[in-house]
Amino acid sequence: MLKIYTRKNCAECAATKLYLKTKGVAFEEVSLDQNPELYTHFKNEGKKRTPIVESSVGDWLGFSPKKLNDYIRSEA
């Protein structure tokens, strides 16, 4: 399953979630605002952009329709 780490007021997070909902794709959302230790962990890894997406086809930062479509195709 797709896991998305988000922050509130993040336009790319909102776009990613909307895109997935429109395509009918299930995902797990983890709020970095409610999990500050995770946010610190990702920052220490150099992941300073959200959403942070973890998937079976790889991980990436930000809104990426191409990578989301790659994931959707791989799960079909």
Protein backbone atom coordinates (compact mmCIF):
# COMPACT_ATOMS: atom_id res chain seq x y z
CA MET A 1 0.00 0.00 0.00
CA LEU A 2 1.06 3.54 -0.70
CA LYS A 3 2.15 5.53 2.35
CA ILE A 4 2.15 9.32 2.24
CA TYR A 5 3.77 11.53 4.86
CA THR A 6 2.09 14.94 4.80
CA ARG A 7 2.05 18.34 6.48
CA LYS A 8 -0.94 20.63 6.78
CA ASN A 9 -1.09 23.59 4.39
CA CYS A 10 1.03 21.62 1.89
CA ALA A 11 -0.31 22.17 -1.62
CA GLU A 12 1.63 19.23 -3.08
CA CYS A 13 0.27 16.97 -0.34
CA ALA A 14 -3.29 18.03 -1.14
CA ALA A 15 -2.70 17.52 -4.87
CA THR A 16 -1.27 14.03 -4.30
CA LYS A 17 -4.20 12.96 -2.11
CA LEU A 18 -6.76 14.40 -4.53
CA TYR A 19 -5.08 12.67 -7.49
CA LEU A 20 -5.14 9.31 -5.71
CA LYS A 21 -8.75 9.73 -4.55
CA THR A 22 -9.80 10.63 -8.11
CA LYS A 23 -8.12 7.43 -9.36
CA GLY A 24 -9.69 5.34 -6.57
CA VAL A 25 -6.33 4.38 -5.09
CA ALA A 26 -6.11 3.52 -1.39
CA PHE A 27 -3.29 5.05 0.63
CA GLU A 28 -2.19 5.49 4.20
CA GLU A 29 -1.60 9.06 5.32
CA VAL A 30 0.77 9.90 8.17
CA SER A 31 0.74 13.47 9.44
CA LEU A 32 4.21 14.81 10.14
CA ASP A 33 2.59 17.63 12.13
CA GLN A 34 1.28 15.03 14.58
CA ASN A 35 4.53 13.04 14.51
CA PRO A 36 7.34 15.57 15.00
CA GLU A 37 9.90 12.82 15.67
CA LEU A 38 9.26 11.44 12.16
CA TYR A 39 9.57 14.92 10.68
CA THR A 40 12.96 15.32 12.40
CA HIS A 41 14.02 11.87 11.18
CA PHE A 42 13.16 12.72 7.55
CA LYS A 43 14.85 16.14 7.79
CA ASN A 44 18.02 14.45 9.06
CA GLU A 45 17.88 12.19 5.98
CA GLY A 46 17.67 15.28 3.77
CA LYS A 47 13.97 14.81 2.98
CA LYS A 48 12.73 18.34 3.49
CA ARG A 49 9.93 18.39 0.90
CA THR A 50 6.46 16.93 1.32
CA PRO A 51 4.68 14.78 0.61
CA ILE A 52 7.13 11.97 1.19
CA VAL A 53 5.72 9.01 -0.72
CA GLU A 54 6.74 5.41 -0.07
CA SER A 55 5.58 2.83 -2.60
CA SER A 56 6.36 -0.55 -4.10
CA VAL A 57 7.92 1.19 -7.14
CA GLY A 58 10.18 3.45 -5.08
CA ASP A 59 10.05 6.48 -2.85
CA TRP A 60 9.90 10.14 -3.86
CA LEU A 61 9.25 13.66 -2.63
CA GLY A 62 6.55 16.02 -3.85
CA PHE A 63 3.62 15.68 -6.23
CA SER A 64 4.55 13.50 -9.20
CA PRO A 65 1.71 12.34 -11.48
CA LYS A 66 4.17 10.23 -13.51
CA LYS A 67 5.39 8.31 -10.47
CA LEU A 68 1.85 7.96 -9.15
CA ASN A 69 0.77 6.52 -12.50
CA ASP A 70 3.74 4.13 -12.46
CA TYR A 71 2.56 2.92 -9.05
CA ILE A 72 -1.06 2.57 -10.21
CA ARG A 73 0.02 0.53 -13.26
CA SER A 74 2.21 -1.72 -11.13
CA GLU A 75 -0.70 -2.50 -8.81
CA ALA A 76 -3.20 -3.25 -11.59
